[in-house]
Each structure stands twice: as C-alpha cells, then as structure tokens.
Amino acid sequence: MNKSITRIAKMDDWFFEVKMVRAIKSKNYGDPYSAIAQLTASGEQMHIDSHLSVKDEELSKDDFMTIYKFCESMGMKSISYDRIKNGFRTSKQVDISENHQPNIRLVK
C-alpha cells in the first residue's frame, strides 16, 4: 500500500478532494470483512462517524492505530470520535504527532 496518500488531486480544470472514507477490515480486498468504519475529513481533522463489526466489538487500540496511521499519511492533524457508554456520550480528540505513538487508552 501507499506510504503517503494525497487528499487533493488536480485533473484538467478540476480539483478532487477526499472528504469521506469507507474503511473495511479484511485480509484481502473483496473478501468478507469483519468491521467497517466511516470517516469524514474536515480541514485537517478526521472524524470517525461510525464503526460496526460483525461481532459487535468496540474499536480496538490496534484498529485505532491503523486509522491513526492512515490519517497521518493524509496529513491530518487530529482524529475525533464520539463514544456512548452507559447511556452517556463523550467526545474525544487525539492529536496526530509525527514520529511518536500517541498516549491513548480505548475503554470497552
């Protein structure tokens, strides 16, 4: 896969900007997938709109780090997401810092 992903491309008199991403978790593209996430870009921030898995699992730390690396490769500065636990909604924002792993803790 690509190390760097361009968010904006130009062809003729048109600019194409990536604003939404559908991420699927699968060993091979086209095979059945075990999870799906919907991401939306707004400026230099990526928001995780939704995450669904076959086994109704929470987004794991490893899976979040894969999304983090993807967003970093697109030049994003932060990732935000909402989580509902015990009926209460909380919003989180994780800054993307090059060359070091963020200190995050995902709770089930």
PDB file of N, CA and C in Angstrom:
ATOM      1  N   MET A   1       0.829  -1.191   0.000  1.00  0.00           N
ATOM      2  CA  MET A   1       0.000   0.000   0.000  1.00  0.00           C
ATOM      3  C   MET A   1       0.868   1.247   0.000  1.00  0.00           C
ATOM      4  N   ASN A   2       0.256   2.369  -0.303  1.00  0.00           N
ATOM      5  CA  ASN A   2       0.974   3.644  -0.361  1.00  0.00           C
ATOM      6  C   ASN A   2       1.379   4.110   1.027  1.00  0.00           C
ATOM      7  N   LYS A   3       2.549   4.744   1.127  1.00  0.00           N
ATOM      8  CA  LYS A   3       3.008   5.339   2.380  1.00  0.00           C
ATOM      9  C   LYS A   3       2.374   6.716   2.588  1.00  0.00           C
ATOM     10  N   SER A   4       2.157   7.447   1.492  1.00  0.00           N
ATOM     11  CA  SER A   4       1.568   8.777   1.565  1.00  0.00           C
ATOM     12  C   SER A   4       0.362   8.830   0.635  1.00  0.00           C
ATOM     13  N   ILE A   5      -0.704   9.419   1.105  1.00  0.00           N
ATOM     14  CA  ILE A   5      -1.940   9.500   0.335  1.00  0.00           C
ATOM     15  C   ILE A   5      -2.255  10.982   0.114  1.00  0.00           C
ATOM     16  N   THR A   6      -2.506  11.351  -1.119  1.00  0.00           N
ATOM     17  CA  THR A   6      -2.815  12.734  -1.442  1.00  0.00           C
ATOM     18  C   THR A   6      -4.303  12.992  -1.238  1.00  0.00           C
ATOM     19  N   ARG A   7      -4.614  14.013  -0.453  1.00  0.00           N
ATOM     20  CA  ARG A   7      -6.021  14.373  -0.214  1.00  0.00           C
ATOM     21  C   ARG A   7      -6.604  15.169  -1.358  1.00  0.00           C
ATOM     22  N   ILE A   8      -5.747  15.902  -2.070  1.00  0.00           N
ATOM     23  CA  ILE A   8      -6.229  16.755  -3.151  1.00  0.00           C
ATOM     24  C   ILE A   8      -5.457  16.413  -4.426  1.00  0.00           C
ATOM     25  N   ALA A   9      -6.196  16.180  -5.503  1.00  0.00           N
ATOM     26  CA  ALA A   9      -5.589  15.883  -6.809  1.00  0.00           C
ATOM     27  C   ALA A   9      -6.208  16.812  -7.840  1.00  0.00           C
ATOM     28  N   LYS A  10      -5.427  17.152  -8.882  1.00  0.00           N
ATOM     29  CA  LYS A  10      -5.926  18.023  -9.940  1.00  0.00           C
ATOM     30  C   LYS A  10      -5.864  17.282 -11.268  1.00  0.00           C
ATOM     31  N   MET A  11      -6.957  17.363 -12.020  1.00  0.00           N
ATOM     32  CA  MET A  11      -7.027  16.850 -13.381  1.00  0.00           C
ATOM     33  C   MET A  11      -7.718  17.899 -14.226  1.00  0.00           C
ATOM     34  N   ASP A  12      -7.024  18.328 -15.275  1.00  0.00           N
ATOM     35  CA  ASP A  12      -7.533  19.388 -16.130  1.00  0.00           C
ATOM     36  C   ASP A  12      -7.896  20.597 -15.278  1.00  0.00           C
ATOM     37  N   ASP A  13      -9.127  21.072 -15.373  1.00  0.00           N
ATOM     38  CA  ASP A  13      -9.554  22.232 -14.587  1.00  0.00           C
ATOM     39  C   ASP A  13     -10.308  21.837 -13.318  1.00  0.00           C
ATOM     40  N   TRP A  14     -10.191  20.580 -12.909  1.00  0.00           N
ATOM     41  CA  TRP A  14     -10.912  20.080 -11.745  1.00  0.00           C
ATOM     42  C   TRP A  14      -9.938  19.716 -10.626  1.00  0.00           C
ATOM     43  N   PHE A  15     -10.332  20.041  -9.384  1.00  0.00           N
ATOM     44  CA  PHE A  15      -9.628  19.582  -8.188  1.00  0.00           C
ATOM     45  C   PHE A  15     -10.512  18.547  -7.512  1.00  0.00           C
ATOM     46  N   PHE A  16      -9.932  17.453  -7.089  1.00  0.00           N
ATOM     47  CA  PHE A  16     -10.649  16.386  -6.400  1.00  0.00           C
ATOM     48  C   PHE A  16     -10.119  16.312  -4.971  1.00  0.00           C
ATOM     49  N   GLU A  17     -11.030  16.411  -4.013  1.00  0.00           N
ATOM     50  CA  GLU A  17     -10.644  16.420  -2.610  1.00  0.00           C
ATOM     51  C   GLU A  17     -11.337  15.271  -1.885  1.00  0.00           C
ATOM     52  N   VAL A  18     -10.545  14.469  -1.170  1.00  0.00           N
ATOM     53  CA  VAL A  18     -11.100  13.365  -0.381  1.00  0.00           C
ATOM     54  C   VAL A  18     -11.775  13.957   0.849  1.00  0.00           C
ATOM     55  N   LYS A  19     -13.073  13.713   0.990  1.00  0.00           N
ATOM     56  CA  LYS A  19     -13.839  14.220   2.131  1.00  0.00           C
ATOM     57  C   LYS A  19     -14.423  13.094   2.987  1.00  0.00           C
ATOM     58  N   MET A  20     -14.681  11.944   2.357  1.00  0.00           N
ATOM     59  CA  MET A  20     -15.236  10.802   3.088  1.00  0.00           C
ATOM     60  C   MET A  20     -14.446   9.554   2.737  1.00  0.00           C
ATOM     61  N   VAL A  21     -14.305   8.677   3.729  1.00  0.00           N
ATOM     62  CA  VAL A  21     -13.570   7.429   3.544  1.00  0.00           C
ATOM     63  C   VAL A  21     -14.391   6.298   4.153  1.00  0.00           C
ATOM     64  N   ARG A  22     -14.490   5.212   3.429  1.00  0.00           N
ATOM     65  CA  ARG A  22     -15.081   3.989   3.982  1.00  0.00           C
ATOM     66  C   ARG A  22     -13.919   3.029   4.188  1.00  0.00           C
ATOM     67  N   ALA A  23     -13.684   2.624   5.409  1.00  0.00           N
ATOM     68  CA  ALA A  23     -12.603   1.702   5.731  1.00  0.00           C
ATOM     69  C   ALA A  23     -13.207   0.342   6.048  1.00  0.00           C
ATOM     70  N   ILE A  24     -12.648  -0.698   5.456  1.00  0.00           N
ATOM     71  CA  ILE A  24     -13.130  -2.052   5.716  1.00  0.00           C
ATOM     72  C   ILE A  24     -11.977  -2.903   6.229  1.00  0.00           C
ATOM     73  N   LYS A  25     -12.267  -3.765   7.207  1.00  0.00           N
ATOM     74  CA  LYS A  25     -11.250  -4.633   7.799  1.00  0.00           C
ATOM     75  C   LYS A  25     -11.378  -6.023   7.194  1.00  0.00           C
ATOM     76  N   SER A  26     -10.349  -6.405   6.435  1.00  0.00           N
ATOM     77  CA  SER A  26     -10.345  -7.696   5.753  1.00  0.00           C
ATOM     78  C   SER A  26      -8.908  -8.035   5.389  1.00  0.00           C
ATOM     79  N   LYS A  27      -8.577  -9.304   5.361  1.00  0.00           N
ATOM     80  CA  LYS A  27      -7.227  -9.726   4.966  1.00  0.00           C
ATOM     81  C   LYS A  27      -6.960  -9.382   3.501  1.00  0.00           C
ATOM     82  N   ASN A  28      -7.965  -9.544   2.637  1.00  0.00           N
ATOM     83  CA  ASN A  28      -7.826  -9.271   1.210  1.00  0.00           C
ATOM     84  C   ASN A  28      -9.009  -8.442   0.733  1.00  0.00           C
ATOM     85  N   TYR A  29      -8.735  -7.466  -0.149  1.00  0.00           N
ATOM     86  CA  TYR A  29      -9.810  -6.639  -0.686  1.00  0.00           C
ATOM     87  C   TYR A  29     -10.775  -7.523  -1.483  1.00  0.00           C
ATOM     88  N   GLY A  30     -12.051  -7.374  -1.213  1.00  0.00           N
ATOM     89  CA  GLY A  30     -13.069  -8.168  -1.901  1.00  0.00           C
ATOM     90  C   GLY A  30     -13.556  -9.346  -1.082  1.00  0.00           C
ATOM     91  N   ASP A  31     -12.763  -9.763  -0.080  1.00  0.00           N
ATOM     92  CA  ASP A  31     -13.190 -10.845   0.814  1.00  0.00           C
ATOM     93  C   ASP A  31     -14.207 -10.297   1.817  1.00  0.00           C
ATOM     94  N   PRO A  32     -14.964 -11.177   2.456  1.00  0.00           N
ATOM     95  CA  PRO A  32     -15.866 -10.703   3.515  1.00  0.00           C
ATOM     96  C   PRO A  32     -15.062  -9.950   4.585  1.00  0.00           C
ATOM     97  N   TYR A  33     -15.650  -8.895   5.130  1.00  0.00           N
ATOM     98  CA  TYR A  33     -14.926  -8.097   6.111  1.00  0.00           C
ATOM     99  C   TYR A  33     -15.520  -8.279   7.497  1.00  0.00           C
ATOM    100  N   SER A  34     -14.687  -8.023   8.511  1.00  0.00           N
ATOM    101  CA  SER A  34     -15.111  -8.209   9.895  1.00  0.00           C
ATOM    102  C   SER A  34     -15.543  -6.901  10.555  1.00  0.00           C
ATOM    103  N   ALA A  35     -15.181  -5.765   9.949  1.00  0.00           N
ATOM    104  CA  ALA A  35     -15.577  -4.468  10.511  1.00  0.00           C
ATOM    105  C   ALA A  35     -15.556  -3.416   9.404  1.00  0.00           C
ATOM    106  N   ILE A  36     -16.272  -2.328   9.669  1.00  0.00           N
ATOM    107  CA  ILE A  36     -16.329  -1.211   8.726  1.00  0.00           C
ATOM    108  C   ILE A  36     -16.362   0.084   9.550  1.00  0.00           C
ATOM    109  N   ALA A  37     -15.694   1.110   9.027  1.00  0.00           N
ATOM    110  CA  ALA A  37     -15.708   2.424   9.674  1.00  0.00           C
ATOM    111  C   ALA A  37     -15.951   3.482   8.614  1.00  0.00           C
ATOM    112  N   GLN A  38     -16.674   4.511   8.977  1.00  0.00           N
ATOM    113  CA  GLN A  38     -16.946   5.640   8.088  1.00  0.00           C
ATOM    114  C   GLN A  38     -16.227   6.851   8.669  1.00  0.00           C
ATOM    115  N   LEU A  39     -15.371   7.500   7.858  1.00  0.00           N
ATOM    116  CA  LEU A  39     -14.588   8.649   8.299  1.00  0.00           C
ATOM    117  C   LEU A  39     -14.933   9.860   7.442  1.00  0.00           C
ATOM    118  N   THR A  40     -14.940  11.039   8.052  1.00  0.00           N
ATOM    119  CA  THR A  40     -15.199  12.278   7.331  1.00  0.00           C
ATOM    120  C   THR A  40     -14.088  13.272   7.628  1.00  0.00           C
ATOM    121  N   ALA A  41     -13.525  13.848   6.556  1.00  0.00           N
ATOM    122  CA  ALA A  41     -12.469  14.848   6.690  1.00  0.00           C
ATOM    123  C   ALA A  41     -13.071  16.237   6.693  1.00  0.00           C
ATOM    124  N   SER A  42     -12.577  17.065   7.608  1.00  0.00           N
ATOM    125  CA  SER A  42     -12.975  18.467   7.668  1.00  0.00           C
ATOM    126  C   SER A  42     -11.713  19.265   7.941  1.00  0.00           C
ATOM    127  N   GLY A  43     -11.197  19.892   6.910  1.00  0.00           N
ATOM    128  CA  GLY A  43      -9.928  20.602   7.054  1.00  0.00           C
ATOM    129  C   GLY A  43      -8.823  19.609   7.348  1.00  0.00           C
ATOM    130  N   GLU A  44      -8.140  19.804   8.462  1.00  0.00           N
ATOM    131  CA  GLU A  44      -7.052  18.908   8.850  1.00  0.00           C
ATOM    132  C   GLU A  44      -7.467  17.952   9.955  1.00  0.00           C
ATOM    133  N   GLN A  45      -8.778  17.786  10.147  1.00  0.00           N
ATOM    134  CA  GLN A  45      -9.292  16.879  11.169  1.00  0.00           C
ATOM    135  C   GLN A  45     -10.097  15.771  10.508  1.00  0.00           C
ATOM    136  N   MET A  46      -9.904  14.532  10.984  1.00  0.00           N
ATOM    137  CA  MET A  46     -10.693  13.388  10.532  1.00  0.00           C
ATOM    138  C   MET A  46     -11.606  12.982  11.680  1.00  0.00           C
ATOM    139  N   HIS A  47     -12.879  12.788  11.378  1.00  0.00           N
ATOM    140  CA  HIS A  47     -13.847  12.351  12.392  1.00  0.00           C
ATOM    141  C   HIS A  47     -14.293  10.933  12.056  1.00  0.00           C
ATOM    142  N   ILE A  48     -14.248  10.051  13.037  1.00  0.00           N
ATOM    143  CA  ILE A  48     -14.764   8.690  12.875  1.00  0.00           C
ATOM    144  C   ILE A  48     -16.263   8.772  13.136  1.00  0.00           C
ATOM    145  N   ASP A  49     -17.051   8.723  12.047  1.00  0.00           N
ATOM    146  CA  ASP A  49     -18.506   8.853  12.165  1.00  0.00           C
ATOM    147  C   ASP A  49     -19.151   7.602  12.739  1.00  0.00           C
ATOM    148  N   SER A  50     -18.668   6.437  12.275  1.00  0.00           N
ATOM    149  CA  SER A  50     -19.281   5.190  12.739  1.00  0.00           C
ATOM    150  C   SER A  50     -18.283   4.050  12.637  1.00  0.00           C
ATOM    151  N   HIS A  51     -18.522   3.045  13.438  1.00  0.00           N
ATOM    152  CA  HIS A  51     -17.737   1.807  13.416  1.00  0.00           C
ATOM    153  C   HIS A  51     -18.689   0.663  13.743  1.00  0.00           C
ATOM    154  N   LEU A  52     -18.731  -0.321  12.866  1.00  0.00           N
ATOM    155  CA  LEU A  52     -19.560  -1.508  13.091  1.00  0.00           C
ATOM    156  C   LEU A  52     -18.705  -2.741  12.850  1.00  0.00           C
ATOM    157  N   SER A  53     -18.902  -3.765  13.680  1.00  0.00           N
ATOM    158  CA  SER A  53     -18.167  -5.010  13.477  1.00  0.00           C
ATOM    159  C   SER A  53     -19.142  -6.175  13.482  1.00  0.00           C
ATOM    160  N   VAL A  54     -18.712  -7.267  12.864  1.00  0.00           N
ATOM    161  CA  VAL A  54     -19.553  -8.461  12.759  1.00  0.00           C
ATOM    162  C   VAL A  54     -19.923  -8.980  14.141  1.00  0.00           C
ATOM    163  N   LYS A  55     -18.971  -8.954  15.071  1.00  0.00           N
ATOM    164  CA  LYS A  55     -19.195  -9.487  16.422  1.00  0.00           C
ATOM    165  C   LYS A  55     -19.589  -8.406  17.420  1.00  0.00           C
ATOM    166  N   ASP A  56     -19.982  -7.219  16.922  1.00  0.00           N
ATOM    167  CA  ASP A  56     -20.414  -6.103  17.769  1.00  0.00           C
ATOM    168  C   ASP A  56     -19.340  -5.708  18.784  1.00  0.00           C
ATOM    169  N   GLU A  57     -18.073  -5.730  18.343  1.00  0.00           N
ATOM    170  CA  GLU A  57     -16.955  -5.371  19.211  1.00  0.00           C
ATOM    171  C   GLU A  57     -16.666  -3.879  19.131  1.00  0.00           C
ATOM    172  N   GLU A  58     -16.067  -3.351  20.178  1.00  0.00           N
ATOM    173  CA  GLU A  58     -15.606  -1.964  20.180  1.00  0.00           C
ATOM    174  C   GLU A  58     -14.381  -1.848  19.265  1.00  0.00           C
ATOM    175  N   LEU A  59     -14.063  -0.649  18.853  1.00  0.00           N
ATOM    176  CA  LEU A  59     -12.869  -0.389  18.074  1.00  0.00           C
ATOM    177  C   LEU A  59     -11.655  -0.652  18.968  1.00  0.00           C
ATOM    178  N   SER A  60     -10.790  -1.580  18.550  1.00  0.00           N
ATOM    179  CA  SER A  60      -9.629  -1.946  19.366  1.00  0.00           C
ATOM    180  C   SER A  60      -8.532  -0.887  19.234  1.00  0.00           C
ATOM    181  N   LYS A  61      -7.571  -0.922  20.151  1.00  0.00           N
ATOM    182  CA  LYS A  61      -6.449   0.012  20.093  1.00  0.00           C
ATOM    183  C   LYS A  61      -5.640  -0.207  18.813  1.00  0.00           C
ATOM    184  N   ASP A  62      -5.437  -1.474  18.425  1.00  0.00           N
ATOM    185  CA  ASP A  62      -4.706  -1.770  17.188  1.00  0.00           C
ATOM    186  C   ASP A  62      -5.438  -1.206  15.967  1.00  0.00           C
ATOM    187  N   ASP A  63      -6.761  -1.386  15.939  1.00  0.00           N
ATOM    188  CA  ASP A  63      -7.545  -0.855  14.821  1.00  0.00           C
ATOM    189  C   ASP A  63      -7.492   0.676  14.806  1.00  0.00           C
ATOM    190  N   PHE A  64      -7.581   1.297  15.990  1.00  0.00           N
ATOM    191  CA  PHE A  64      -7.486   2.758  16.050  1.00  0.00           C
ATOM    192  C   PHE A  64      -6.133   3.223  15.534  1.00  0.00           C
ATOM    193  N   MET A  65      -5.064   2.509  15.890  1.00  0.00           N
ATOM    194  CA  MET A  65      -3.724   2.899  15.439  1.00  0.00           C
ATOM    195  C   MET A  65      -3.593   2.778  13.918  1.00  0.00           C
ATOM    196  N   THR A  66      -4.281   1.809  13.311  1.00  0.00           N
ATOM    197  CA  THR A  66      -4.276   1.703  11.849  1.00  0.00           C
ATOM    198  C   THR A  66      -4.960   2.924  11.239  1.00  0.00           C
ATOM    199  N   ILE A  67      -6.096   3.340  11.807  1.00  0.00           N
ATOM    200  CA  ILE A  67      -6.783   4.541  11.340  1.00  0.00           C
ATOM    201  C   ILE A  67      -5.888   5.763  11.570  1.00  0.00           C
ATOM    202  N   TYR A  68      -5.222   5.808  12.717  1.00  0.00           N
ATOM    203  CA  TYR A  68      -4.295   6.898  13.035  1.00  0.00           C
ATOM    204  C   TYR A  68      -3.216   7.015  11.962  1.00  0.00           C
ATOM    205  N   LYS A  69      -2.586   5.883  11.595  1.00  0.00           N
ATOM    206  CA  LYS A  69      -1.527   5.897  10.575  1.00  0.00           C
ATOM    207  C   LYS A  69      -2.064   6.349   9.219  1.00  0.00           C
ATOM    208  N   PHE A  70      -3.287   5.909   8.880  1.00  0.00           N
ATOM    209  CA  PHE A  70      -3.912   6.344   7.628  1.00  0.00           C
ATOM    210  C   PHE A  70      -4.095   7.858   7.639  1.00  0.00           C
ATOM    211  N   CYS A  71      -4.647   8.389   8.731  1.00  0.00           N
ATOM    212  CA  CYS A  71      -4.880   9.833   8.826  1.00  0.00           C
ATOM    213  C   CYS A  71      -3.563  10.606   8.813  1.00  0.00           C
ATOM    214  N   GLU A  72      -2.547  10.077   9.461  1.00  0.00           N
ATOM    215  CA  GLU A  72      -1.231  10.711   9.450  1.00  0.00           C
ATOM    216  C   GLU A  72      -0.685  10.780   8.024  1.00  0.00           C
ATOM    217  N   SER A  73      -0.877   9.699   7.244  1.00  0.00           N
ATOM    218  CA  SER A  73      -0.375   9.673   5.872  1.00  0.00           C
ATOM    219  C   SER A  73      -1.110  10.660   4.968  1.00  0.00           C
ATOM    220  N   MET A  74      -2.326  11.046   5.371  1.00  0.00           N
ATOM    221  CA  MET A  74      -3.088  12.042   4.610  1.00  0.00           C
ATOM    222  C   MET A  74      -2.797  13.469   5.072  1.00  0.00           C
ATOM    223  N   GLY A  75      -1.939  13.630   6.055  1.00  0.00           N
ATOM    224  CA  GLY A  75      -1.582  14.958   6.544  1.00  0.00           C
ATOM    225  C   GLY A  75      -2.564  15.539   7.539  1.00  0.00           C
ATOM    226  N   MET A  76      -3.413  14.703   8.125  1.00  0.00           N
ATOM    227  CA  MET A  76      -4.376  15.186   9.118  1.00  0.00           C
ATOM    228  C   MET A  76      -3.646  15.568  10.403  1.00  0.00           C
ATOM    229  N   LYS A  77      -4.207  16.511  11.146  1.00  0.00           N
ATOM    230  CA  LYS A  77      -3.611  16.969  12.400  1.00  0.00           C
ATOM    231  C   LYS A  77      -4.274  16.340  13.625  1.00  0.00           C
ATOM    232  N   SER A  78      -5.524  15.849  13.465  1.00  0.00           N
ATOM    233  CA  SER A  78      -6.201  15.235  14.611  1.00  0.00           C
ATOM    234  C   SER A  78      -7.312  14.297  14.143  1.00  0.00           C
ATOM    235  N   ILE A  79      -7.715  13.433  15.075  1.00  0.00           N
ATOM    236  CA  ILE A  79      -8.821  12.497  14.855  1.00  0.00           C
ATOM    237  C   ILE A  79      -9.806  12.711  15.994  1.00  0.00           C
ATOM    238  N   SER A  80     -11.071  12.798  15.665  1.00  0.00           N
ATOM    239  CA  SER A  80     -12.096  12.921  16.702  1.00  0.00           C
ATOM    240  C   SER A  80     -13.107  11.790  16.556  1.00  0.00           C
ATOM    241  N   TYR A  81     -13.747  11.469  17.670  1.00  0.00           N
ATOM    242  CA  TYR A  81     -14.784  10.444  17.656  1.00  0.00           C
ATOM    243  C   TYR A  81     -15.665  10.620  18.889  1.00  0.00           C
ATOM    244  N   ASP A  82     -16.861  10.085  18.805  1.00  0.00           N
ATOM    245  CA  ASP A  82     -17.798  10.080  19.935  1.00  0.00           C
ATOM    246  C   ASP A  82     -17.981   8.644  20.388  1.00  0.00           C
ATOM    247  N   ARG A  83     -18.191   8.487  21.665  1.00  0.00           N
ATOM    248  CA  ARG A  83     -18.423   7.155  22.217  1.00  0.00           C
ATOM    249  C   ARG A  83     -19.581   7.247  23.209  1.00  0.00           C
ATOM    250  N   ILE A  84     -20.453   6.254  23.145  1.00  0.00           N
ATOM    251  CA  ILE A  84     -21.563   6.195  24.096  1.00  0.00           C
ATOM    252  C   ILE A  84     -21.321   5.016  25.016  1.00  0.00           C
ATOM    253  N   LYS A  85     -21.265   5.294  26.314  1.00  0.00           N
ATOM    254  CA  LYS A  85     -21.051   4.260  27.315  1.00  0.00           C
ATOM    255  C   LYS A  85     -21.995   4.521  28.476  1.00  0.00           C
ATOM    256  N   ASN A  86     -22.731   3.498  28.862  1.00  0.00           N
ATOM    257  CA  ASN A  86     -23.710   3.608  29.948  1.00  0.00           C
ATOM    258  C   ASN A  86     -24.709   4.741  29.704  1.00  0.00           C
ATOM    259  N   GLY A  87     -25.055   4.939  28.437  1.00  0.00           N
ATOM    260  CA  GLY A  87     -26.049   5.943  28.090  1.00  0.00           C
ATOM    261  C   GLY A  87     -25.522   7.361  27.995  1.00  0.00           C
ATOM    262  N   PHE A  88     -24.214   7.564  28.235  1.00  0.00           N
ATOM    263  CA  PHE A  88     -23.634   8.899  28.188  1.00  0.00           C
ATOM    264  C   PHE A  88     -22.688   9.004  26.995  1.00  0.00           C
ATOM    265  N   ARG A  89     -22.806  10.122  26.279  1.00  0.00           N
ATOM    266  CA  ARG A  89     -21.953  10.364  25.114  1.00  0.00           C
ATOM    267  C   ARG A  89     -20.751  11.205  25.521  1.00  0.00           C
ATOM    268  N   THR A  90     -19.574  10.762  25.093  1.00  0.00           N
ATOM    269  CA  THR A  90     -18.360  11.539  25.303  1.00  0.00           C
ATOM    270  C   THR A  90     -17.675  11.747  23.963  1.00  0.00           C
ATOM    271  N   SER A  91     -17.070  12.902  23.816  1.00  0.00           N
ATOM    272  CA  SER A  91     -16.329  13.222  22.597  1.00  0.00           C
ATOM    273  C   SER A  91     -14.848  13.228  22.924  1.00  0.00           C
ATOM    274  N   LYS A  92     -14.063  12.660  22.021  1.00  0.00           N
ATOM    275  CA  LYS A  92     -12.606  12.592  22.195  1.00  0.00           C
ATOM    276  C   LYS A  92     -11.930  13.174  20.974  1.00  0.00           C
ATOM    277  N   GLN A  93     -10.776  13.760  21.190  1.00  0.00           N
ATOM    278  CA  GLN A  93      -9.941  14.235  20.090  1.00  0.00           C
ATOM    279  C   GLN A  93      -8.510  13.811  20.384  1.00  0.00           C
ATOM    280  N   VAL A  94      -7.878  13.193  19.383  1.00  0.00           N
ATOM    281  CA  VAL A  94      -6.497  12.737  19.508  1.00  0.00           C
ATOM    282  C   VAL A  94      -5.668  13.504  18.492  1.00  0.00           C
ATOM    283  N   ASP A  95      -4.651  14.213  18.967  1.00  0.00           N
ATOM    284  CA  ASP A  95      -3.752  14.936  18.064  1.00  0.00           C
ATOM    285  C   ASP A  95      -2.817  13.949  17.387  1.00  0.00           C
ATOM    286  N   ILE A  96      -2.503  14.211  16.132  1.00  0.00           N
ATOM    287  CA  ILE A  96      -1.578  13.371  15.380  1.00  0.00           C
ATOM    288  C   ILE A  96      -0.208  14.032  15.426  1.00  0.00           C
ATOM    289  N   SER A  97       0.734  13.348  16.016  1.00  0.00           N
ATOM    290  CA  SER A  97       2.105  13.848  16.116  1.00  0.00           C
ATOM    291  C   SER A  97       3.013  12.915  15.345  1.00  0.00           C
ATOM    292  N   GLU A  98       3.767  13.460  14.404  1.00  0.00           N
ATOM    293  CA  GLU A  98       4.670  12.639  13.609  1.00  0.00           C
ATOM    294  C   GLU A  98       5.781  12.075  14.481  1.00  0.00           C
ATOM    295  N   ASN A  99       6.194  10.852  14.137  1.00  0.00           N
ATOM    296  CA  ASN A  99       7.354  10.184  14.713  1.00  0.00           C
ATOM    297  C   ASN A  99       7.216   9.756  16.169  1.00  0.00           C
ATOM    298  N   HIS A 100       6.034   9.731  16.714  1.00  0.00           N
ATOM    299  CA  HIS A 100       5.862   9.092  18.023  1.00  0.00           C
ATOM    300  C   HIS A 100       4.435   8.594  18.160  1.00  0.00           C
ATOM    301  N   GLN A 101       4.287   7.588  18.983  1.00  0.00           N
ATOM    302  CA  GLN A 101       2.981   6.957  19.195  1.00  0.00           C
ATOM    303  C   GLN A 101       2.208   7.773  20.233  1.00  0.00           C
ATOM    304  N   PRO A 102       0.946   8.070  19.963  1.00  0.00           N
ATOM    305  CA  PRO A 102       0.172   8.861  20.919  1.00  0.00           C
ATOM    306  C   PRO A 102      -0.144   8.041  22.165  1.00  0.00           C
ATOM    307  N   ASN A 103      -0.359   8.733  23.247  1.00  0.00           N
ATOM    308  CA  ASN A 103      -0.730   8.089  24.501  1.00  0.00           C
ATOM    309  C   ASN A 103      -2.252   8.066  24.576  1.00  0.00           C
ATOM    310  N   ILE A 104      -2.851   6.952  24.090  1.00  0.00           N
ATOM    311  CA  ILE A 104      -4.304   6.838  24.095  1.00  0.00           C
ATOM    312  C   ILE A 104      -4.720   5.596  24.848  1.00  0.00           C
ATOM    313  N   ARG A 105      -5.937   5.603  25.338  1.00  0.00           N
ATOM    314  CA  ARG A 105      -6.482   4.435  26.020  1.00  0.00           C
ATOM    315  C   ARG A 105      -7.928   4.290  25.586  1.00  0.00           C
ATOM    316  N   LEU A 106      -8.225   3.208  24.874  1.00  0.00           N
ATOM    317  CA  LEU A 106      -9.599   2.941  24.467  1.00  0.00           C
ATOM    318  C   LEU A 106     -10.202   1.988  25.495  1.00  0.00           C
ATOM    319  N   VAL A 107     -11.376   2.296  25.965  1.00  0.00           N
ATOM    320  CA  VAL A 107     -12.023   1.516  27.017  1.00  0.00           C
ATOM    321  C   VAL A 107     -13.224   0.809  26.438  1.00  0.00           C
ATOM    322  N   LYS A 108     -13.383  -0.462  26.788  1.00  0.00           N
ATOM    323  CA  LYS A 108     -14.557  -1.221  26.339  1.00  0.00           C
ATOM    324  C   LYS A 108     -15.686  -1.043  27.303  1.00  0.00           C
TER     325      LYS A 108
END
